[in-house]
Amino acid sequence: MSFGYKTAWFAARTDDATALAHVLGLHNPTPMPAQAATAAAYESQRGKAFITPALDGWTLAMSSDFLDLADGSPPRFLELLRQASARLATEVQFFASYRVVETHAWARAANGEVHRAYLYDGCSGETTLDLGPPTPQEIALDHRFFDPSSPAAQHDAYWQRTDLRFPDEKDVVQVAGRWSIDPSVEKPMADGFLANLDAPRAAPSPPPVADKPWWRFW
């Protein structure tokens, strides 16, 4: 099993996959080999999520459709993190990475409170969310990112600096590895679960192009 690029996932400090599925609104979790479940959850607009068995005390739920949760202002994953961490009475994290437009996010909440959330929107070239101070794990990774909101960013010389860069997908999995589990590292495991994001329903008509989320253009 491995994932982490061009997708999004939750990590909860629990060994109860059924409880995590319930709080995320997932339905009908069905046992399935991890490789097959991962592949199904990567297929966007299919409404499927892969739920791992417990990994070192953490259970993960991944779906490319979770990338939609990075939309909105504030992004929708914030409220879901609050609700899930409160109902599970534990820490819950969210990660998203989509290299095509270089949009990347990581966030963590515990017992109903979001302590840290970061979202870089590659479409706008802006950091659209920077909630709470960087964690010790982030500081240890020595992140040095461009900040378009900085007064220095008004000058061309700022963008020529070689000590700064933009976030990328590797930053996301590295933070995940420091906070909980890096799912991009292949791991042998027992069967996981494949679940539905929504209750079964007829397929909707395709939305107008203008209504598509940022990541569905690619």
Protein backbone atom coordinates (compact mmCIF):
# COMPACT_ATOMS: atom_id res chain seq x y z
CA MET A 1 0.00 0.00 0.00
CA SER A 2 1.20 3.47 -0.82
CA PHE A 3 -0.41 6.80 -1.70
CA GLY A 4 0.10 10.47 -0.93
CA TYR A 5 0.45 12.24 -4.28
CA LYS A 6 -2.46 13.74 -6.25
CA THR A 7 -4.93 12.82 -3.52
CA ALA A 8 -6.12 13.75 -0.02
CA TRP A 9 -6.54 11.81 3.20
CA PHE A 10 -7.43 11.92 6.88
CA ALA A 11 -5.36 10.33 9.65
CA ALA A 12 -6.95 9.64 13.03
CA ARG A 13 -5.26 8.41 16.18
CA THR A 14 -7.55 5.39 16.51
CA ASP A 15 -7.62 1.72 15.61
CA ASP A 16 -11.37 1.81 14.95
CA ALA A 17 -11.79 2.02 11.16
CA THR A 18 -15.57 1.78 11.46
CA ALA A 19 -15.74 4.80 13.76
CA LEU A 20 -13.55 6.85 11.44
CA ALA A 21 -15.72 5.93 8.47
CA HIS A 22 -18.83 6.96 10.38
CA VAL A 23 -17.58 10.39 11.44
CA LEU A 24 -16.40 11.15 7.89
CA GLY A 25 -19.81 10.24 6.50
CA LEU A 26 -18.57 7.15 4.66
CA HIS A 27 -20.98 4.31 3.94
CA ASN A 28 -20.84 0.56 3.50
CA PRO A 29 -17.16 -0.13 4.26
CA THR A 30 -16.34 -3.43 2.56
CA PRO A 31 -13.16 -5.45 3.20
CA MET A 32 -10.81 -5.32 0.22
CA PRO A 33 -7.09 -5.86 -0.42
CA ALA A 34 -5.19 -2.63 0.11
CA GLN A 35 -3.82 -2.38 -3.43
CA ALA A 36 -7.25 -2.71 -5.05
CA ALA A 37 -8.88 -0.34 -2.56
CA THR A 38 -6.15 2.26 -3.09
CA ALA A 39 -6.60 2.12 -6.86
CA ALA A 40 -10.38 2.53 -6.55
CA ALA A 41 -10.06 5.49 -4.18
CA TYR A 42 -7.70 7.21 -6.62
CA GLU A 43 -10.38 7.28 -9.32
CA SER A 44 -11.85 10.78 -9.00
CA GLN A 45 -15.59 11.39 -9.12
CA ARG A 46 -16.26 7.74 -8.26
CA GLY A 47 -17.16 8.51 -4.66
CA LYS A 48 -14.91 5.85 -3.12
CA ALA A 49 -12.60 6.00 -0.12
CA PHE A 50 -9.93 3.59 1.09
CA ILE A 51 -9.78 3.06 4.86
CA THR A 52 -6.61 1.42 6.14
CA PRO A 53 -6.34 -0.97 9.03
CA ALA A 54 -4.58 0.51 12.06
CA LEU A 55 -0.98 1.50 11.36
CA ASP A 56 1.12 2.21 14.45
CA GLY A 57 -1.97 3.51 16.24
CA TRP A 58 -3.31 5.53 13.28
CA THR A 59 -6.09 4.80 10.81
CA LEU A 60 -6.16 6.61 7.46
CA ALA A 61 -9.00 7.34 5.03
CA MET A 62 -8.01 8.36 1.49
CA SER A 63 -9.96 9.50 -1.56
CA SER A 64 -9.11 11.73 -4.51
CA ASP A 65 -12.59 13.18 -4.01
CA PHE A 66 -11.41 14.53 -0.64
CA LEU A 67 -9.49 17.14 -2.67
CA ASP A 68 -12.82 18.95 -2.93
CA LEU A 69 -12.52 19.68 0.80
CA ALA A 70 -9.68 22.12 0.07
CA ASP A 71 -12.18 24.35 -1.75
CA GLY A 72 -14.02 27.24 -0.15
CA SER A 73 -13.09 30.07 2.14
CA PRO A 74 -12.52 28.82 4.73
CA PRO A 75 -11.76 25.41 3.18
CA ARG A 76 -14.31 22.78 4.08
CA PHE A 77 -11.82 20.38 5.66
CA LEU A 78 -11.55 22.67 8.71
CA GLU A 79 -15.08 22.05 9.96
CA LEU A 80 -14.85 18.34 9.20
CA LEU A 81 -11.63 18.15 11.22
CA ARG A 82 -13.33 19.87 14.15
CA GLN A 83 -16.31 17.54 14.04
CA ALA A 84 -14.32 14.35 13.54
CA SER A 85 -11.78 15.09 16.27
CA ALA A 86 -14.56 16.02 18.71
CA ARG A 87 -16.65 12.92 18.02
CA LEU A 88 -13.68 10.58 18.14
CA ALA A 89 -12.19 12.46 21.13
CA THR A 90 -8.73 12.22 19.60
CA GLU A 91 -6.39 13.85 17.10
CA VAL A 92 -7.42 13.91 13.44
CA GLN A 93 -5.28 15.25 10.60
CA PHE A 94 -5.93 16.21 6.98
CA PHE A 95 -3.51 16.24 4.05
CA ALA A 96 -3.96 17.14 0.39
CA SER A 97 -1.53 17.29 -2.51
CA TYR A 98 -2.14 17.98 -6.20
CA ARG A 99 1.01 18.67 -8.17
CA VAL A 100 -0.71 19.68 -11.42
CA VAL A 101 -1.67 23.04 -9.93
CA GLU A 102 0.75 22.79 -6.96
CA THR A 103 -1.94 23.05 -4.30
CA HIS A 104 -0.93 21.47 -0.99
CA ALA A 105 -2.39 21.34 2.53
CA TRP A 106 -1.83 19.91 5.97
CA ALA A 107 -3.86 20.42 9.15
CA ARG A 108 -4.43 18.84 12.54
CA ALA A 109 -7.15 19.07 15.17
CA ALA A 110 -7.75 17.50 18.57
CA ASN A 111 -10.94 17.25 20.59
CA GLY A 112 -12.82 19.69 18.37
CA GLU A 113 -10.15 22.38 18.00
CA VAL A 114 -7.94 22.98 14.96
CA HIS A 115 -4.44 23.74 16.21
CA ARG A 116 -2.61 24.02 12.90
CA ALA A 117 -3.67 24.36 9.25
CA TYR A 118 -1.72 25.35 6.16
CA LEU A 119 -2.95 25.60 2.57
CA TYR A 120 -1.01 26.82 -0.44
CA ASP A 121 -3.16 27.46 -3.52
CA GLY A 122 -1.06 27.03 -6.64
CA CYS A 123 -3.79 28.51 -8.84
CA SER A 124 -3.50 31.90 -7.15
CA GLY A 125 0.11 31.52 -6.02
CA GLU A 126 -0.97 32.43 -2.49
CA THR A 127 -0.94 30.90 0.94
CA THR A 128 -4.69 31.00 1.56
CA LEU A 129 -4.58 29.49 5.05
CA ASP A 130 -1.91 29.66 7.74
CA LEU A 131 -3.62 28.93 11.04
CA GLY A 132 -1.66 28.46 14.23
CA PRO A 133 2.12 28.45 14.65
CA PRO A 134 4.23 25.91 12.76
CA THR A 135 4.62 22.75 14.80
CA PRO A 136 8.01 21.56 16.06
CA GLN A 137 7.91 18.87 13.38
CA GLU A 138 7.48 21.48 10.64
CA ILE A 139 10.24 23.60 12.11
CA ALA A 140 12.53 20.57 12.07
CA LEU A 141 11.83 20.22 8.33
CA ASP A 142 13.18 23.78 7.91
CA HIS A 143 10.43 25.04 5.62
CA ARG A 144 11.40 28.28 3.91
CA PHE A 145 8.52 29.26 1.65
CA PHE A 146 7.83 32.36 -0.38
CA ASP A 147 5.18 34.56 1.24
CA PRO A 148 3.31 36.71 -1.30
CA SER A 149 1.75 38.69 1.57
CA SER A 150 5.16 39.79 2.82
CA PRO A 151 6.03 43.47 2.21
CA ALA A 152 9.28 42.27 0.66
CA ALA A 153 7.28 40.40 -1.99
CA GLN A 154 6.46 43.74 -3.61
CA HIS A 155 10.01 43.91 -4.90
CA ASP A 156 11.43 41.82 -7.75
CA ALA A 157 14.52 40.94 -5.74
CA TYR A 158 12.37 38.95 -3.30
CA TRP A 159 11.36 36.48 -6.01
CA GLN A 160 14.97 35.99 -7.03
CA ARG A 161 15.99 34.70 -3.62
CA THR A 162 17.45 31.20 -3.69
CA ASP A 163 16.83 30.49 0.00
CA LEU A 164 13.04 30.47 -0.48
CA ARG A 165 10.77 28.20 -2.49
CA PHE A 166 7.12 27.19 -2.90
CA PRO A 167 5.61 24.18 -1.09
CA ASP A 168 5.44 20.92 -3.02
CA GLU A 169 4.00 17.44 -2.68
CA LYS A 170 7.05 16.12 -0.85
CA ASP A 171 6.45 18.62 1.93
CA VAL A 172 2.98 17.16 2.46
CA VAL A 173 4.12 13.56 2.93
CA GLN A 174 7.07 14.67 5.04
CA VAL A 175 4.78 16.53 7.43
CA ALA A 176 2.49 13.50 7.49
CA GLY A 177 5.44 11.30 8.39
CA ARG A 178 6.45 13.58 11.26
CA TRP A 179 2.87 13.99 12.56
CA SER A 180 1.57 10.46 12.07
CA ILE A 181 2.08 8.19 9.01
CA ASP A 182 3.75 8.85 5.66
CA PRO A 183 1.51 6.82 3.34
CA SER A 184 3.83 7.25 0.35
CA VAL A 185 6.20 4.69 1.91
CA GLU A 186 5.04 1.25 0.84
CA LYS A 187 3.78 -0.88 3.70
CA PRO A 188 2.56 -4.47 3.76
CA MET A 189 -0.80 -4.71 5.50
CA ALA A 190 -3.91 -6.75 6.03
CA ASP A 191 -7.00 -5.97 4.01
CA GLY A 192 -8.43 -2.49 4.34
CA PHE A 193 -11.91 -1.26 3.48
CA LEU A 194 -13.44 0.42 0.46
CA ALA A 195 -16.33 2.73 1.37
CA ASN A 196 -18.73 5.08 -0.37
CA LEU A 197 -18.46 8.81 0.24
CA ASP A 198 -22.21 9.24 -0.28
CA ALA A 199 -25.25 7.02 -0.17
CA PRO A 200 -25.87 5.26 -3.53
CA ARG A 201 -27.67 7.49 -6.00
CA ALA A 202 -28.08 8.10 -9.69
CA ALA A 203 -25.06 9.66 -11.39
CA PRO A 204 -25.57 13.47 -11.69
CA SER A 205 -25.23 15.36 -14.92
CA PRO A 206 -21.75 16.85 -15.45
CA PRO A 207 -21.59 20.40 -14.03
CA PRO A 208 -20.80 23.37 -16.26
CA VAL A 209 -17.07 23.89 -16.66
CA ALA A 210 -17.20 27.12 -14.64
CA ASP A 211 -18.57 25.21 -11.62
CA LYS A 212 -15.83 22.59 -11.45
CA PRO A 213 -13.45 22.63 -8.46
CA TRP A 214 -9.91 23.81 -9.21
CA TRP A 215 -8.40 20.33 -9.34
CA ARG A 216 -10.90 18.85 -11.80
CA PHE A 217 -9.65 20.97 -14.70
CA TRP A 218 -6.60 18.67 -14.99
